[in-house]
C-alpha cells in the first residue's frame, strides 16, 4: 500500500479530467494529498473525483479554461483563502495543435497551442510561486515531451511550446535554488492518451502504455524526499 507521505498537503493538477493528469491526481490522493483539479470538462473532473474518492482521497474541482488567462491571476489568492497553503503543482494540461511544417503553421492554431502549453503555465507560476515558496517542501513538476528537447519535423507549435516550457521551468529552478522549493520536468514518453491518438490516428490501441503506468513516477516528484531540482526526468 502506498505510504501517505503527502498527508495534510494540497496539490494542484492541471489537465485533471483525463489521461496523465487524472491518473496523477489519483496517485497523489493515495499519498494523502488533497488534490485541486483544473480542466475544462466538468464531466471529466467529476469522473476523476470519483476515482480519487475510491482510493480514500478528497478533491476540489475547478472547471477552468487555461486559455482564459485572466481567470488564472486570482488562483493563488483563492487557494490561500480556501486552504491556507499549496504544497505541490503538477502541470499536465496540453494542446497538440496542428502537425504541419513550421512555415505552414496557421497563426491562430500556433498561438493557441503556445497559449495553453506555455503562456498559461507562466501565469500559473506567477500566481502560485508565493504559496509554493512558503510551503515546508514545495514541489512543482511540468510534463514535457522529447520534441521539446530534440527537434522533430512537423511538430510545429507543440514542440516550440514544450521547448519554451522547459526553459521557463529551468529558469524558475535557478531562481529558487536557495529555497525549499524543488522544480523538475517529467517526460513520460509515449502513452495511450487522447493527445497521442490525435497525433497518430492510425496507431492500434494498446500500442503504448496507459497513463496510470507513469503516474506514480510523476506523483513522487512532489514528495518531500524529492531533492532533484531543475532536472529533466524521463520515465524509466
Protein backbone atom coordinates (compact mmCIF):
# COMPACT_ATOMS: atom_id res chain seq x y z
CA UNK A 1 0.00 0.00 0.00
CA UNK A 2 1.33 3.47 -0.89
CA UNK A 3 2.56 5.40 2.13
CA UNK A 4 0.64 8.58 2.82
CA UNK A 5 3.74 10.78 2.70
CA UNK A 6 1.70 13.76 1.47
CA UNK A 7 -0.93 13.66 4.23
CA UNK A 8 -2.09 17.16 5.11
CA UNK A 9 -0.79 18.71 1.89
CA UNK A 10 -2.59 20.35 -1.02
CA UNK A 11 -1.57 19.70 -4.63
CA UNK A 12 -2.85 21.39 -7.79
CA UNK A 13 -3.06 19.38 -11.02
CA UNK A 14 -3.92 20.83 -14.43
CA UNK A 15 -5.42 18.57 -17.07
CA UNK A 16 -7.10 16.69 -14.25
CA UNK A 17 -10.09 15.42 -16.21
CA UNK A 18 -8.36 12.59 -18.11
CA UNK A 19 -5.10 10.96 -19.14
CA UNK A 20 -1.95 11.53 -17.14
CA UNK A 21 -3.48 14.41 -15.16
CA UNK A 22 -6.33 12.26 -13.87
CA UNK A 23 -4.03 9.31 -13.14
CA UNK A 24 -1.59 11.56 -11.28
CA UNK A 25 -4.41 13.04 -9.21
CA UNK A 26 -5.33 9.54 -8.04
CA UNK A 27 -1.67 8.74 -7.30
CA UNK A 28 -1.34 11.92 -5.23
CA UNK A 29 -4.56 11.13 -3.36
CA UNK A 30 -3.15 7.70 -2.49
CA UNK A 31 -0.18 9.53 -0.97
CA UNK A 32 -2.52 11.58 1.19
CA UNK A 33 -2.70 14.88 -0.70
CA UNK A 34 -5.88 16.85 -1.13
CA UNK A 35 -5.93 17.39 -4.89
CA UNK A 36 -7.22 20.51 -6.61
CA UNK A 37 -8.11 19.65 -10.18
CA UNK A 38 -8.26 22.06 -13.13
CA UNK A 39 -9.76 21.17 -16.51
CA UNK A 40 -12.36 22.47 -18.93
CA UNK A 41 -14.59 19.38 -18.87
CA UNK A 42 -16.85 19.18 -15.82
CA UNK A 43 -17.86 15.58 -16.55
CA UNK A 44 -14.22 14.53 -16.73
CA UNK A 45 -13.41 16.30 -13.48
CA UNK A 46 -16.31 14.53 -11.78
CA UNK A 47 -15.05 11.18 -13.07
CA UNK A 48 -11.61 11.90 -11.61
CA UNK A 49 -13.23 12.95 -8.35
CA UNK A 50 -14.96 9.57 -8.21
CA UNK A 51 -11.61 7.82 -8.76
CA UNK A 52 -9.97 9.94 -6.04
CA UNK A 53 -12.74 9.13 -3.58
CA UNK A 54 -12.41 5.44 -4.44
CA UNK A 55 -8.86 5.45 -3.02
CA UNK A 56 -9.92 7.34 0.10
CA UNK A 57 -8.89 10.79 -1.13
CA UNK A 58 -10.54 14.17 -1.48
CA UNK A 59 -10.58 16.59 -4.39
CA UNK A 60 -11.64 20.14 -5.15
CA UNK A 61 -12.80 20.70 -8.72
CA UNK A 62 -12.06 23.92 -10.60
CA UNK A 63 -13.56 23.98 -14.10
CA UNK A 64 -11.23 26.48 -15.81
CA UNK A 65 -10.08 27.10 -19.35
CA UNK A 66 -6.33 27.73 -19.22
CA UNK A 67 -6.55 29.83 -22.35
CA UNK A 68 -8.55 32.39 -20.34
CA UNK A 69 -5.51 33.98 -18.72
CA UNK A 70 -7.47 36.49 -16.69
CA UNK A 71 -9.05 33.60 -14.76
CA UNK A 72 -5.65 32.40 -13.57
CA UNK A 73 -4.47 35.56 -11.79
CA UNK A 74 -6.73 35.00 -8.79
CA UNK A 75 -5.92 31.30 -8.41
CA UNK A 76 -3.11 31.68 -5.86
CA UNK A 77 -5.07 34.01 -3.57
CA UNK A 78 -8.14 31.78 -3.92
CA UNK A 79 -6.18 28.70 -2.85
CA UNK A 80 -4.71 30.60 0.08
CA UNK A 81 -8.16 31.72 1.19
CA UNK A 82 -9.58 28.20 0.87
CA UNK A 83 -6.69 26.09 2.20
CA UNK A 84 -4.09 28.48 3.61
CA UNK A 85 -1.39 26.64 1.67
CA UNK A 86 -0.25 24.96 -1.54
CA UNK A 87 2.42 22.28 -1.41
CA UNK A 88 2.56 20.91 -4.94
CA UNK A 89 1.82 21.81 -8.54
CA UNK A 90 1.68 19.39 -11.47
CA UNK A 91 1.25 20.78 -14.99
CA UNK A 92 -0.29 18.10 -17.20
CA UNK A 93 -2.66 20.03 -19.46
CA UNK A 94 -1.54 20.33 -23.09
CA UNK A 95 -2.83 21.08 -26.57
CA UNK A 96 -1.43 19.25 -29.59
CA UNK A 97 -2.36 21.92 -32.10
CA UNK A 98 -1.83 21.11 -35.77
CA UNK A 99 1.05 18.99 -37.02
CA UNK A 100 2.50 20.71 -40.07
CA UNK A 101 5.69 22.22 -41.47
CA UNK A 102 6.63 25.14 -39.21
CA UNK A 103 6.45 27.55 -42.15
CA UNK A 104 2.87 26.49 -42.82
CA UNK A 105 1.63 26.70 -39.23
CA UNK A 106 -1.68 28.55 -39.14
CA UNK A 107 -1.19 31.56 -36.80
CA UNK A 108 -4.37 31.11 -34.74
CA UNK A 109 -3.66 27.40 -34.10
CA UNK A 110 0.00 28.08 -33.36
CA UNK A 111 -0.82 30.87 -30.92
CA UNK A 112 -3.50 28.76 -29.24
CA UNK A 113 -1.05 25.93 -28.62
CA UNK A 114 1.54 28.31 -27.20
CA UNK A 115 -1.13 29.88 -25.01
CA UNK A 116 -2.16 26.66 -23.27
CA UNK A 117 1.18 24.84 -23.19
CA UNK A 118 3.44 27.74 -22.29
CA UNK A 119 1.85 31.11 -21.51
CA UNK A 120 -0.77 29.69 -19.14
CA UNK A 121 1.98 27.93 -17.22
CA UNK A 122 3.89 31.19 -16.82
CA UNK A 123 0.74 32.78 -15.39
CA UNK A 124 0.30 29.81 -13.06
CA UNK A 125 3.90 30.14 -11.87
CA UNK A 126 3.25 33.84 -11.27
CA UNK A 127 0.20 33.25 -9.08
CA UNK A 128 1.39 30.07 -7.32
CA UNK A 129 5.02 30.99 -6.62
CA UNK A 130 4.40 32.70 -3.23
CA UNK A 131 2.45 29.73 -1.88
CA UNK A 132 4.94 27.14 -3.12
CA UNK A 133 7.90 29.07 -1.71
CA UNK A 134 6.14 29.32 1.65
CA UNK A 135 5.43 25.58 1.81
CA UNK A 136 7.71 23.44 4.04
CA UNK A 137 8.58 21.33 0.98
CA UNK A 138 7.07 22.99 -2.08
CA UNK A 139 7.28 20.95 -5.25
CA UNK A 140 6.43 21.61 -8.92
CA UNK A 141 6.55 19.26 -11.91
CA UNK A 142 5.94 20.11 -15.56
CA UNK A 143 5.09 17.39 -18.06
CA UNK A 144 7.18 17.74 -21.20
CA UNK A 145 7.94 15.77 -24.35
CA UNK A 146 11.05 14.74 -26.25
CA UNK A 147 10.08 17.06 -29.12
CA UNK A 148 10.67 19.98 -26.78
CA UNK A 149 14.25 18.87 -26.35
CA UNK A 150 15.10 17.16 -29.64
CA UNK A 151 13.85 18.70 -32.92
CA UNK A 152 11.32 16.55 -34.80
CA UNK A 153 9.90 17.68 -38.13
CA UNK A 154 6.27 18.82 -38.36
CA UNK A 155 5.53 19.14 -34.64
CA UNK A 156 5.28 22.93 -35.04
CA UNK A 157 3.63 24.79 -32.15
CA UNK A 158 3.57 21.78 -29.81
CA UNK A 159 7.34 21.35 -29.99
CA UNK A 160 8.05 25.05 -29.68
CA UNK A 161 5.70 25.37 -26.71
CA UNK A 162 7.35 22.46 -24.90
CA UNK A 163 10.81 23.92 -25.54
CA UNK A 164 9.66 27.22 -24.07
CA UNK A 165 8.09 25.40 -21.11
CA UNK A 166 11.34 23.57 -20.42
CA UNK A 167 13.38 26.78 -20.39
CA UNK A 168 10.84 28.51 -18.17
CA UNK A 169 10.90 25.66 -15.63
CA UNK A 170 14.69 25.58 -15.60
CA UNK A 171 14.87 29.35 -15.20
CA UNK A 172 12.42 29.23 -12.29
CA UNK A 173 14.53 26.46 -10.77
CA UNK A 174 17.65 28.63 -10.98
CA UNK A 175 15.81 31.44 -9.25
CA UNK A 176 14.71 29.19 -6.36
CA UNK A 177 17.89 27.23 -5.61
CA UNK A 178 18.24 28.75 -2.14
CA UNK A 179 14.63 27.94 -1.18
CA UNK A 180 12.84 24.75 -0.12
CA UNK A 181 11.03 24.64 -3.48
CA UNK A 182 12.05 21.91 -5.93
CA UNK A 183 11.06 22.17 -9.61
CA UNK A 184 11.52 19.50 -12.26
CA UNK A 185 10.43 18.43 -15.74
CA UNK A 186 8.96 15.00 -16.42
CA UNK A 187 8.93 13.27 -19.79
CA UNK A 188 6.56 10.30 -19.54
CA UNK A 189 7.32 9.02 -23.04
CA UNK A 190 4.60 7.72 -25.38
CA UNK A 191 1.30 6.94 -23.66
CA UNK A 192 -2.18 5.92 -24.72
CA UNK A 193 -3.86 9.33 -24.42
CA UNK A 194 -6.23 11.46 -26.47
CA UNK A 195 -3.33 13.69 -27.47
CA UNK A 196 -1.40 10.68 -28.73
CA UNK A 197 -4.41 9.43 -30.70
CA UNK A 198 -4.75 12.82 -32.39
CA UNK A 199 -1.07 12.78 -33.37
CA UNK A 200 -1.08 9.14 -34.52
CA UNK A 201 -4.68 8.34 -35.52
CA UNK A 202 -3.77 5.03 -37.16
CA UNK A 203 -1.86 3.62 -34.21
CA UNK A 204 -3.57 0.48 -32.81
CA UNK A 205 -4.99 0.67 -29.29
CA UNK A 206 -2.70 -0.83 -26.68
CA UNK A 207 0.49 0.04 -28.55
CA UNK A 208 1.56 2.45 -25.81
CA UNK A 209 1.41 2.22 -22.02
CA UNK A 210 -1.56 3.60 -20.12
CA UNK A 211 -1.08 6.91 -18.27
CA UNK A 212 -1.51 5.05 -14.97
CA UNK A 213 1.84 3.36 -15.66
CA UNK A 214 3.59 6.75 -15.48
CA UNK A 215 1.53 8.46 -12.77
CA UNK A 216 3.43 7.12 -9.76
CA UNK A 217 6.76 8.43 -11.03
CA UNK A 218 5.24 11.85 -11.63
CA UNK A 219 3.45 11.95 -8.27
CA UNK A 220 6.68 11.03 -6.49
CA UNK A 221 8.26 14.27 -7.73
CA UNK A 222 6.00 16.04 -5.21
CA UNK A 223 7.25 14.07 -2.21
CA UNK A 224 9.21 15.98 0.43
CA UNK A 225 12.01 13.43 -0.05
CA UNK A 226 12.49 14.56 -3.69
CA UNK A 227 15.62 16.71 -3.80
CA UNK A 228 16.35 16.91 -7.53
CA UNK A 229 15.97 20.43 -8.85
CA UNK A 230 15.89 21.84 -12.36
CA UNK A 231 16.25 18.41 -13.93
CA UNK A 232 14.62 16.80 -16.92
CA UNK A 233 13.50 13.35 -15.78
CA UNK A 234 12.46 10.70 -18.28
CA UNK A 235 10.21 7.78 -17.35
CA UNK A 236 12.10 4.54 -16.87
